[in-house]
Protein backbone atom coordinates (compact mmCIF):
# COMPACT_ATOMS: atom_id res chain seq x y z
CA MET A 1 -43.91 9.77 3.70
CA SER A 2 -40.41 10.13 2.38
CA GLU A 3 -38.68 13.33 3.38
CA PRO A 4 -36.93 15.09 0.47
CA VAL A 5 -33.38 16.41 0.64
CA SER A 6 -34.70 20.06 0.78
CA ALA A 7 -36.49 19.27 4.11
CA ILE A 8 -33.25 19.16 6.03
CA PRO A 9 -33.80 21.67 8.88
CA ALA A 10 -32.39 25.21 8.18
CA ALA A 11 -30.92 25.11 11.67
CA ILE A 12 -28.57 22.49 10.88
CA VAL A 13 -27.52 23.55 7.32
CA HIS A 14 -24.46 25.59 8.57
CA TYR A 15 -23.01 22.42 10.45
CA VAL A 16 -23.78 20.17 7.68
CA GLY A 17 -21.85 22.59 5.40
CA LYS A 18 -18.89 22.68 7.80
CA TRP A 19 -18.82 18.76 7.75
CA GLN A 20 -19.11 18.42 3.99
CA SER A 21 -16.56 21.17 3.31
CA ARG A 22 -14.14 18.86 5.35
CA GLU A 23 -15.39 15.83 3.72
CA PRO A 24 -16.65 16.75 0.29
CA GLU A 25 -17.16 13.17 -0.64
CA MET A 26 -20.06 12.99 1.76
CA ARG A 27 -22.09 15.30 -0.52
CA VAL A 28 -22.02 12.52 -3.06
CA LEU A 29 -22.71 9.74 -0.71
CA GLN A 30 -25.67 11.65 0.67
CA VAL A 31 -27.41 11.18 -2.73
CA PHE A 32 -27.58 7.53 -2.06
CA CYS A 33 -29.20 7.88 1.36
CA ALA A 34 -32.85 6.99 1.66
CA PRO A 35 -34.95 10.16 1.48
CA SER A 36 -36.58 9.31 4.90
CA GLN A 37 -33.06 9.24 6.39
CA GLN A 38 -31.65 12.47 4.89
CA THR A 39 -32.03 14.63 8.05
CA ARG A 40 -30.61 12.04 10.36
CA PHE A 41 -27.73 11.10 7.92
CA CYS A 42 -26.68 14.76 7.77
CA ALA A 43 -27.25 15.62 11.31
CA TRP A 44 -25.28 12.62 12.51
CA GLY A 45 -22.36 13.24 10.17
CA ALA A 46 -22.31 16.86 11.23
CA LEU A 47 -22.33 16.00 14.74
CA LEU A 48 -19.39 13.57 14.44
CA HIS A 49 -17.54 16.41 12.78
CA GLU A 50 -18.21 18.73 15.75
CA LEU A 51 -17.01 16.17 18.24
CA ARG A 52 -13.87 15.35 16.29
CA GLU A 53 -12.99 19.06 15.98
CA ALA A 54 -13.62 19.62 19.73
CA LEU A 55 -11.45 16.53 20.74
CA PHE A 56 -8.57 16.61 18.31
CA GLU A 57 -8.35 19.87 16.35
CA LEU A 58 -8.36 22.73 18.59
CA SER A 59 -4.91 24.38 19.38
CA ASP A 60 -5.53 25.22 23.10
CA ALA A 61 -5.98 22.29 25.59
CA ARG A 62 -8.07 24.38 27.79
CA VAL A 63 -10.48 25.16 25.09
CA THR A 64 -10.46 21.51 24.04
CA ALA A 65 -11.40 20.51 27.65
CA VAL A 66 -14.43 23.11 27.81
CA LYS A 67 -15.69 22.31 24.39
CA SER A 68 -15.45 18.63 24.81
CA GLY A 69 -17.05 18.94 28.19
CA TRP A 70 -19.87 20.86 26.82
CA TRP A 71 -20.56 18.25 24.22
CA ALA A 72 -20.37 15.42 26.74
CA GLU A 73 -22.98 17.26 28.86
CA GLU A 74 -25.10 17.69 25.73
CA LEU A 75 -25.05 14.01 24.98
CA LEU A 76 -25.74 13.05 28.46
CA GLY A 77 -28.72 15.31 28.61
CA LEU A 78 -30.06 13.98 25.33
CA ALA A 79 -30.29 10.51 26.90
CA GLN A 80 -32.68 12.27 29.28
CA GLY A 81 -34.62 14.15 26.58
CA ARG A 82 -32.87 17.41 26.98
CA HIS A 83 -30.99 19.24 24.10
CA ARG A 84 -29.66 22.59 23.51
CA HIS A 85 -27.97 22.27 20.05
CA PRO A 86 -29.76 22.17 16.59
CA LEU A 87 -27.87 18.78 15.83
CA THR A 88 -28.90 17.03 18.76
CA GLU A 89 -32.43 18.36 18.36
CA ALA A 90 -32.47 16.72 14.89
CA LEU A 91 -31.56 13.38 16.51
CA VAL A 92 -34.08 13.52 19.26
CA GLY A 93 -36.41 10.38 19.46
CA SER A 94 -33.85 7.71 18.75
CA ASP A 95 -33.21 5.04 21.51
CA ALA A 96 -29.42 5.27 21.27
CA PRO A 97 -26.81 5.00 23.98
CA TRP A 98 -26.08 8.68 24.29
CA SER A 99 -25.04 8.51 27.88
CA ASP A 100 -22.36 5.96 27.08
CA LEU A 101 -21.00 8.13 24.30
CA GLY A 102 -21.04 11.30 26.57
CA ARG A 103 -18.93 9.36 29.08
CA ALA A 104 -16.49 7.94 26.48
CA LEU A 105 -15.98 11.57 25.20
CA LEU A 106 -15.15 12.69 28.62
CA LEU A 107 -12.57 9.91 29.14
CA GLN A 108 -11.02 10.71 25.69
CA THR A 109 -10.58 14.29 26.40
CA GLY A 110 -7.01 15.27 27.15
CA ASP A 111 -5.60 11.91 26.04
CA ASP A 112 -2.84 13.21 23.79
CA ALA A 113 -0.19 10.71 24.95
CA ARG A 114 2.48 9.93 22.35
CA HIS A 115 2.08 6.35 21.38
CA ALA A 116 5.01 3.72 20.73
CA ASP A 117 3.53 2.18 17.50
CA THR A 118 0.61 2.13 15.12
CA SER A 119 -1.17 -0.63 17.05
CA GLU A 120 -1.13 1.47 20.23
CA ALA A 121 -2.30 4.71 18.48
CA ILE A 122 -5.29 2.81 16.97
CA ALA A 123 -6.09 1.08 20.29
CA ALA A 124 -6.19 4.28 22.21
CA LEU A 125 -9.27 5.43 20.18
CA LEU A 126 -11.20 2.17 20.15
CA PRO A 127 -13.31 2.86 23.28
CA LEU A 128 -14.57 6.12 21.85
CA ALA A 129 -14.99 4.58 18.45
CA ARG A 130 -17.17 1.62 19.88
CA SER A 131 -19.25 4.23 21.65
CA VAL A 132 -19.87 6.16 18.59
CA LEU A 133 -20.81 3.13 16.47
CA ALA A 134 -23.26 1.80 19.17
CA VAL A 135 -25.10 5.15 18.77
CA GLU A 136 -24.76 4.95 14.96
CA SER A 137 -26.04 1.36 14.88
CA ALA A 138 -29.12 2.47 16.85
CA LEU A 139 -29.76 5.67 14.75
CA PHE A 140 -29.66 3.77 11.46
CA GLU A 141 -31.08 0.35 12.69
CA THR A 142 -28.06 -1.72 11.63
CA ALA A 143 -27.10 -5.18 12.73
CA LEU A 144 -23.52 -4.15 13.29
CA PHE A 145 -23.29 -4.69 17.00
CA LYS A 146 -24.86 -8.07 16.72
CA ALA A 147 -22.11 -9.01 14.28
CA ARG A 148 -18.34 -9.81 14.47
CA SER A 149 -17.78 -6.90 12.18
CA SER A 150 -18.16 -4.44 15.15
CA ASP A 151 -14.55 -4.48 16.05
CA ALA A 152 -13.59 -4.11 12.56
CA ALA A 153 -15.82 -0.96 12.09
CA ALA A 154 -14.36 0.48 15.26
CA ARG A 155 -10.88 0.08 13.94
CA GLY A 156 -11.93 1.66 10.73
CA LEU A 157 -13.37 4.74 12.63
CA ALA A 158 -10.24 5.08 14.83
CA ILE A 159 -8.14 5.07 11.50
CA HIS A 160 -10.57 7.71 10.01
CA TRP A 161 -9.75 9.94 12.93
CA LEU A 162 -5.91 9.44 12.59
CA LEU A 163 -6.09 10.10 8.87
CA GLN A 164 -8.14 13.19 9.46
CA ARG A 165 -5.37 14.68 11.66
CA LEU A 166 -3.30 15.01 8.40
CA PRO A 167 -1.71 17.20 7.32
CA GLN A 168 -2.76 20.02 9.77
CA GLY A 169 -2.19 18.01 12.80
CA LEU A 170 1.68 17.69 12.07
CA ALA A 171 2.25 21.19 13.57
CA SER A 172 0.07 20.55 16.54
CA GLU A 173 0.90 19.46 20.13
CA ASP A 174 0.21 15.75 19.43
CA ARG A 175 1.93 15.69 16.06
CA ALA A 176 -1.07 14.13 14.41
CA ARG A 177 -0.74 11.23 16.82
CA ILE A 178 2.02 9.70 14.67
CA PRO A 179 3.63 7.00 16.75
CA MET A 180 7.30 7.23 18.03
CA HIS A 181 8.64 4.13 16.21
CA LEU A 182 8.20 6.07 12.78
CA PHE A 183 10.28 9.02 14.25
CA ALA A 184 12.95 6.55 15.25
CA ARG A 185 12.87 4.70 11.92
CA HIS A 186 13.46 7.79 9.87
CA GLY A 187 15.62 9.66 12.20
CA LEU A 188 13.41 12.77 12.41
CA THR A 189 12.15 14.93 15.09
CA ALA A 190 8.59 16.24 15.49
CA GLU A 191 9.85 19.71 14.51
CA GLN A 192 11.40 18.42 11.33
CA LEU A 193 8.29 16.61 10.43
CA ALA A 194 6.18 19.74 10.97
CA ALA A 195 8.49 21.83 8.83
CA GLY A 196 7.91 19.44 5.92
CA GLN A 197 10.92 17.25 5.93
CA GLY A 198 9.02 13.96 6.48
CA GLU A 199 7.49 12.78 3.28
CA PRO A 200 8.96 9.21 3.50
CA LEU A 201 7.61 8.99 7.14
CA LEU A 202 4.17 10.06 6.04
CA ARG A 203 4.11 7.55 3.42
CA ASP A 204 5.03 4.76 5.95
CA TRP A 205 2.44 6.10 8.42
CA THR A 206 -0.34 6.05 5.94
CA GLY A 207 0.85 2.70 4.64
CA GLU A 208 0.38 1.20 8.05
CA LEU A 209 -2.87 2.74 8.51
CA LEU A 210 -4.00 1.37 5.01
CA ARG A 211 -2.78 -2.20 6.11
CA ALA A 212 -4.72 -1.97 9.47
CA LEU A 213 -7.96 -0.69 7.70
CA PRO A 214 -10.67 -3.43 7.55
CA ALA A 215 -11.56 -4.54 3.97
CA SER A 216 -15.24 -4.07 4.54
CA THR A 217 -18.07 -3.42 7.18
CA SER A 218 -21.04 -4.65 5.32
CA ASP A 219 -23.22 -4.60 8.46
CA ALA A 220 -22.63 -1.06 9.11
CA SER A 221 -24.61 2.09 8.13
CA LEU A 222 -24.26 3.65 4.57
CA LEU A 223 -22.20 6.45 6.18
CA ARG A 224 -19.77 4.09 7.63
CA ARG A 225 -19.49 1.88 4.44
CA GLY A 226 -18.90 4.99 2.39
CA ARG A 227 -16.38 6.46 4.81
CA LEU A 228 -14.37 3.28 4.67
CA ARG A 229 -14.06 3.14 0.93
CA PHE A 230 -13.14 6.91 0.71
CA ASP A 231 -10.43 6.39 3.42
CA HIS A 232 -9.07 3.38 1.70
CA ALA A 233 -8.73 5.58 -1.45
CA ARG A 234 -7.01 8.41 0.33
CA LEU A 235 -4.55 6.32 2.25
CA ALA A 236 -3.65 4.50 -0.84
CA ARG A 237 -2.90 7.78 -2.54
CA LEU A 238 -0.95 9.13 0.45
CA SER A 239 1.07 5.76 0.97
CA ASP A 240 1.91 6.06 -2.80
CA GLY A 241 3.27 9.50 -2.22
CA LYS A 242 0.51 11.16 -4.42
CA GLY A 243 -0.40 13.81 -1.98
CA PHE A 244 -3.48 15.25 -0.22
CA GLY A 245 -5.52 15.84 -3.42
CA GLU A 246 -9.09 14.85 -3.96
CA SER A 247 -10.01 11.64 -6.03
CA PRO A 248 -11.63 12.31 -9.33
CA ALA A 249 -15.33 13.05 -9.13
CA LEU A 250 -16.13 9.91 -11.11
CA ALA A 251 -14.10 7.68 -8.76
CA THR A 252 -15.85 9.17 -5.74
CA LEU A 253 -19.31 8.56 -7.25
CA TRP A 254 -18.31 4.88 -8.13
CA ARG A 255 -17.18 4.34 -4.52
CA ALA A 256 -20.44 5.92 -3.13
CA TRP A 257 -22.55 3.78 -5.47
CA ARG A 258 -20.62 0.66 -4.45
CA ALA A 259 -21.05 1.48 -0.64
CA ALA A 260 -24.89 2.02 -1.33
CA ARG A 261 -25.38 -1.29 -3.07
CA VAL A 262 -24.40 -3.30 0.02
CA ALA A 263 -27.48 -3.71 1.94
């Protein structure tokens, strides 16, 4: 029997709300998710938000290490049927490579090196992105990792993480992972960028990310297809100097519908 939207477990509502407050377009995309997949769609999206926050968005490196380590342990335990968190409980029962994701999370923790160029900045995130997508492919039974599009999808996810570092990450230790060649091109320091003096640099950065973003990932899950369309739109606005505002509601609805139409 199909599971209605209202059947999403109360235990994960808080985490789903956190995720969708950060990515409000996902509330729209959720409408196009099959009712039987609603809980899994929301739990997975919220879990990815928690992992992203733990890895990239905490101000104290010690807290990052502790929180990322906790999540890695949780994912390794999930592979053995153990779980402590409501989000992982909602994902129990899937034959997904959780252990690989837990190990990839540990390897990524603490990697805040400054990269020379955009290709290097993206490449540094690809191992983790591939592990995430291997789990996602199993959760949603997609053909992604039997297709050539797997590398494109991993690149799209890495770029999504870099995009999500803006604008708050500009004042962080990793300076939103913006590569060094852009600071050299614009003659700016990281401090000047954090102080709001780097609009041309940000246009260049988001333009380079936009050009590196794959055009489509038709073999991926609904979440990944929608995320790619939304990221294309946001990067296009930023690279045109139109700021961080949200797309019009009708444009978001149209992109979600287009993502859902690709079977």
